[in-house]
Structure formats: structure tokens, C-alpha cells
Protein backbone atom coordinates (compact mmCIF):
# COMPACT_ATOMS: atom_id res chain seq x y z
CA UNK A 1 106.80 61.89 62.50
CA UNK A 2 104.76 62.69 65.56
CA UNK A 3 103.48 66.05 66.74
CA UNK A 4 105.72 68.01 69.02
CA UNK A 5 103.89 69.03 72.15
CA UNK A 6 104.77 72.49 73.39
CA UNK A 7 103.75 73.32 76.90
CA UNK A 8 103.86 76.82 78.34
CA UNK A 9 106.43 77.42 81.01
CA UNK A 10 104.70 77.72 84.36
CA UNK A 11 106.39 79.26 87.36
CA UNK A 12 106.47 76.88 90.28
CA UNK A 13 106.24 79.57 92.93
CA UNK A 14 103.45 82.10 92.94
CA UNK A 15 104.22 85.65 94.13
CA UNK A 16 103.28 86.03 97.77
CA UNK A 17 102.56 89.73 97.55
CA UNK A 18 104.35 92.57 99.19
CA UNK A 19 104.56 93.74 102.76
CA UNK A 20 105.48 97.09 104.32
CA UNK A 21 109.22 97.61 104.21
CA UNK A 22 109.65 95.69 100.95
CA UNK A 23 110.73 97.28 97.68
CA UNK A 24 107.66 98.03 95.57
CA UNK A 25 107.45 95.97 92.36
CA UNK A 26 106.92 97.70 89.04
CA UNK A 27 103.41 98.96 88.37
CA UNK A 28 102.69 99.72 84.74
CA UNK A 29 100.23 99.13 81.93
CA UNK A 30 98.51 100.79 79.01
CA UNK A 31 98.38 104.52 79.73
CA UNK A 32 94.84 105.92 79.64
CA UNK A 33 95.53 109.14 81.55
CA UNK A 34 98.78 110.94 82.15
CA UNK A 35 102.24 111.09 80.61
CA UNK A 36 103.28 108.58 77.97
CA UNK A 37 105.14 105.58 79.43
CA UNK A 38 104.18 106.44 83.02
CA UNK A 39 105.14 103.65 85.42
CA UNK A 40 106.16 103.38 89.05
CA UNK A 41 109.88 103.08 88.29
CA UNK A 42 109.74 106.44 86.45
CA UNK A 43 108.47 108.06 89.67
CA UNK A 44 111.44 107.01 91.85
CA UNK A 45 112.35 109.85 94.19
CA UNK A 46 108.70 110.76 94.79
CA UNK A 47 106.23 109.61 97.39
CA UNK A 48 103.69 107.61 95.36
CA UNK A 49 100.24 106.24 96.11
CA UNK A 50 99.74 103.17 93.90
CA UNK A 51 96.02 102.44 93.75
CA UNK A 52 94.63 99.26 92.18
CA UNK A 53 91.03 99.63 91.00
CA UNK A 54 88.53 98.28 88.46
CA UNK A 55 85.49 99.63 86.66
CA UNK A 56 83.27 97.07 88.42
CA UNK A 57 84.56 97.99 91.92
CA UNK A 58 81.90 99.83 93.94
CA UNK A 59 84.24 101.08 96.70
CA UNK A 60 86.56 102.46 93.99
CA UNK A 61 83.79 104.95 93.16
CA UNK A 62 84.29 106.36 96.66
CA UNK A 63 88.07 106.18 96.97
CA UNK A 64 89.07 107.58 93.59
CA UNK A 65 87.54 111.05 94.10
CA UNK A 66 89.27 111.20 97.49
CA UNK A 67 92.60 110.28 95.89
CA UNK A 68 91.99 112.98 93.28
CA UNK A 69 91.38 115.50 96.09
CA UNK A 70 94.62 114.40 97.81
CA UNK A 71 96.49 114.74 94.50
CA UNK A 72 95.21 118.34 94.17
CA UNK A 73 95.92 119.16 97.80
CA UNK A 74 99.54 118.02 97.53
CA UNK A 75 100.03 120.06 94.35
CA UNK A 76 98.48 123.13 95.95
CA UNK A 77 100.82 122.65 98.94
CA UNK A 78 103.87 122.74 96.65
CA UNK A 79 104.60 118.99 96.47
CA UNK A 80 103.90 118.52 92.74
CA UNK A 81 107.49 117.43 92.06
CA UNK A 82 107.64 115.11 95.10
CA UNK A 83 104.25 113.36 95.13
CA UNK A 84 102.16 111.35 92.68
CA UNK A 85 99.19 109.02 92.54
CA UNK A 86 99.42 106.15 90.04
CA UNK A 87 96.20 104.24 89.49
CA UNK A 88 96.45 100.72 88.07
CA UNK A 89 93.22 99.49 86.52
CA UNK A 90 92.57 95.76 86.51
CA UNK A 91 89.96 95.62 83.77
CA UNK A 92 90.74 93.07 81.05
CA UNK A 93 89.47 95.49 78.41
CA UNK A 94 90.96 98.98 78.22
CA UNK A 95 87.63 100.24 76.85
CA UNK A 96 85.89 99.36 80.14
CA UNK A 97 88.41 101.41 82.12
CA UNK A 98 88.15 104.33 79.69
CA UNK A 99 84.35 104.30 79.91
CA UNK A 100 84.58 104.34 83.73
CA UNK A 101 87.02 107.27 83.67
CA UNK A 102 84.78 109.27 81.33
CA UNK A 103 81.96 108.90 83.87
CA UNK A 104 84.25 109.36 86.91
CA UNK A 105 87.27 111.41 85.78
CA UNK A 106 90.48 111.79 87.78
CA UNK A 107 93.46 113.94 86.96
CA UNK A 108 96.28 111.74 88.21
CA UNK A 109 98.00 109.15 85.97
CA UNK A 110 96.08 105.95 85.21
CA UNK A 111 97.32 102.79 83.54
CA UNK A 112 95.42 99.58 82.81
CA UNK A 113 97.19 96.30 83.52
CA UNK A 114 95.05 94.06 81.29
CA UNK A 115 97.17 90.99 82.06
CA UNK A 116 97.13 91.50 85.83
CA UNK A 117 100.91 91.24 86.14
CA UNK A 118 101.31 94.03 88.71
CA UNK A 119 98.35 92.88 90.80
CA UNK A 120 99.87 89.39 91.09
CA UNK A 121 103.23 90.74 92.25
CA UNK A 122 101.56 93.08 94.74
CA UNK A 123 99.27 90.30 95.97
CA UNK A 124 96.07 92.27 95.42
CA UNK A 125 93.14 90.32 96.84
CA UNK A 126 90.59 93.07 97.46
CA UNK A 127 89.77 96.34 95.70
CA UNK A 128 90.62 99.03 96.00
CA UNK A 129 94.13 98.09 97.10
CA UNK A 130 96.26 101.10 97.89
CA UNK A 131 100.02 101.06 98.51
CA UNK A 132 101.93 104.02 99.91
CA UNK A 133 105.45 103.98 98.50
CA UNK A 134 108.22 106.17 99.94
CA UNK A 135 110.62 108.12 97.73
CA UNK A 136 113.20 105.34 98.13
CA UNK A 137 110.77 102.83 96.59
CA UNK A 138 109.87 100.95 99.77
CA UNK A 139 106.26 100.25 100.70
CA UNK A 140 105.23 102.08 103.85
CA UNK A 141 101.55 101.20 104.18
CA UNK A 142 99.01 98.93 102.53
CA UNK A 143 95.24 99.48 102.50
CA UNK A 144 92.97 96.64 101.35
CA UNK A 145 89.49 97.94 100.61
CA UNK A 146 88.01 101.29 101.45
CA UNK A 147 86.42 102.53 104.63
CA UNK A 148 85.96 105.36 107.05
CA UNK A 149 89.23 107.02 107.96
CA UNK A 150 91.06 105.87 104.81
CA UNK A 151 91.60 109.35 103.38
CA UNK A 152 92.61 110.97 106.65
CA UNK A 153 95.09 108.22 107.50
CA UNK A 154 96.58 108.20 104.00
CA UNK A 155 96.89 111.99 103.98
CA UNK A 156 98.65 111.97 107.36
CA UNK A 157 101.12 109.32 106.21
CA UNK A 158 101.79 111.05 102.87
CA UNK A 159 102.51 114.35 104.61
CA UNK A 160 104.81 112.64 107.11
CA UNK A 161 106.84 111.11 104.28
CA UNK A 162 106.97 114.38 102.37
CA UNK A 163 108.01 116.37 105.43
CA UNK A 164 110.68 113.82 106.42
CA UNK A 165 112.57 114.56 103.23
CA UNK A 166 112.26 118.34 103.39
CA UNK A 167 115.42 120.33 104.09
CA UNK A 168 115.42 121.98 107.47
CA UNK A 169 116.14 125.71 107.73
CA UNK A 170 119.78 124.95 108.47
CA UNK A 171 120.05 122.94 105.22
CA UNK A 172 120.09 119.50 106.86
CA UNK A 173 117.59 116.92 105.69
CA UNK A 174 115.11 115.84 108.35
């Protein structure tokens, strides 16, 4: 009797990544900060900034404190129940992400996608990679990398999405 060869099933088509206007794929992983079982699908109905990062990413050292400041600003403005930041770490070892977060803490939810599933579906090719997702789950804006004007532009877009869904004084939704 010969040996039975078992080959892994390989998908023939690779994910192409997402574009603005598309439904955001799931973003999840091992929770290292935030509520148990936090994932993008659990945040439906909120405006969400999904931020892909890694402990070895230099620009992430600059963007993450700015995202933390935005997270606080939106809470202070009364949007705590309508806005969230979800960071998705791409380290292969959870310990590396945890060590980074001890040195550079943030208060928003953080998961670590050790297998890189979410980053493949999003088409992440540069870090940080930041996706602005509207309350209906559709991607509104994509930022690859970090640079001057990132925080101001993201803040403006977040506020526009939050204000679009606010009831007007007459009770109608804008």
C-alpha cells in the first residue's frame, strides 16, 4: 500500500483588496486591549477607523498616538456610542504586540491577527493602513502609510460621517 499524499487546498484567486464604497471585510484577531471578542462586525452601526499596524512599523509610532487622541476627542464630544477605533496588529507573535503596547499604550481596542487573514482581505501593502468605515459597513476612505495631514483629514471625514447620521432638530435624519 502506498502513501496517500494530502495537499492543502489553495485558493486559485487571491483577494484583490478593498476599495472605497465596498463593504468592509471582517477584522478580528486575538484581543490584547478592549472588550472580549471585539471585532469589526460587532461594531456595525458605528463609524469605525480600522488601523493595521505592527510593532516593527516606525510610522505606526506616530499615527497611533494621533488615533488615540481622536478616540478621546470623539468620546469627549459625545460620540462614544457611535465611533470606535479598532487596531489590527500584524505581528506573528502576540507577545511582540503586547510589548509594543506596554511601551506605547493606546486606549482603543486592539486585536492581533497573527495569521494575517484580515490584512489579505483588505489588501494591506503598506503600514500603517487605515480604513474609515461608515456606520453601514462601507469603506469611505483608505490611507496607506502616514504623513502630514493624515490626522486632520481623518478627523474631518469622521466628523462628517458622524454628523450625517445625527437627527436634525425637527427629528429628521440628515
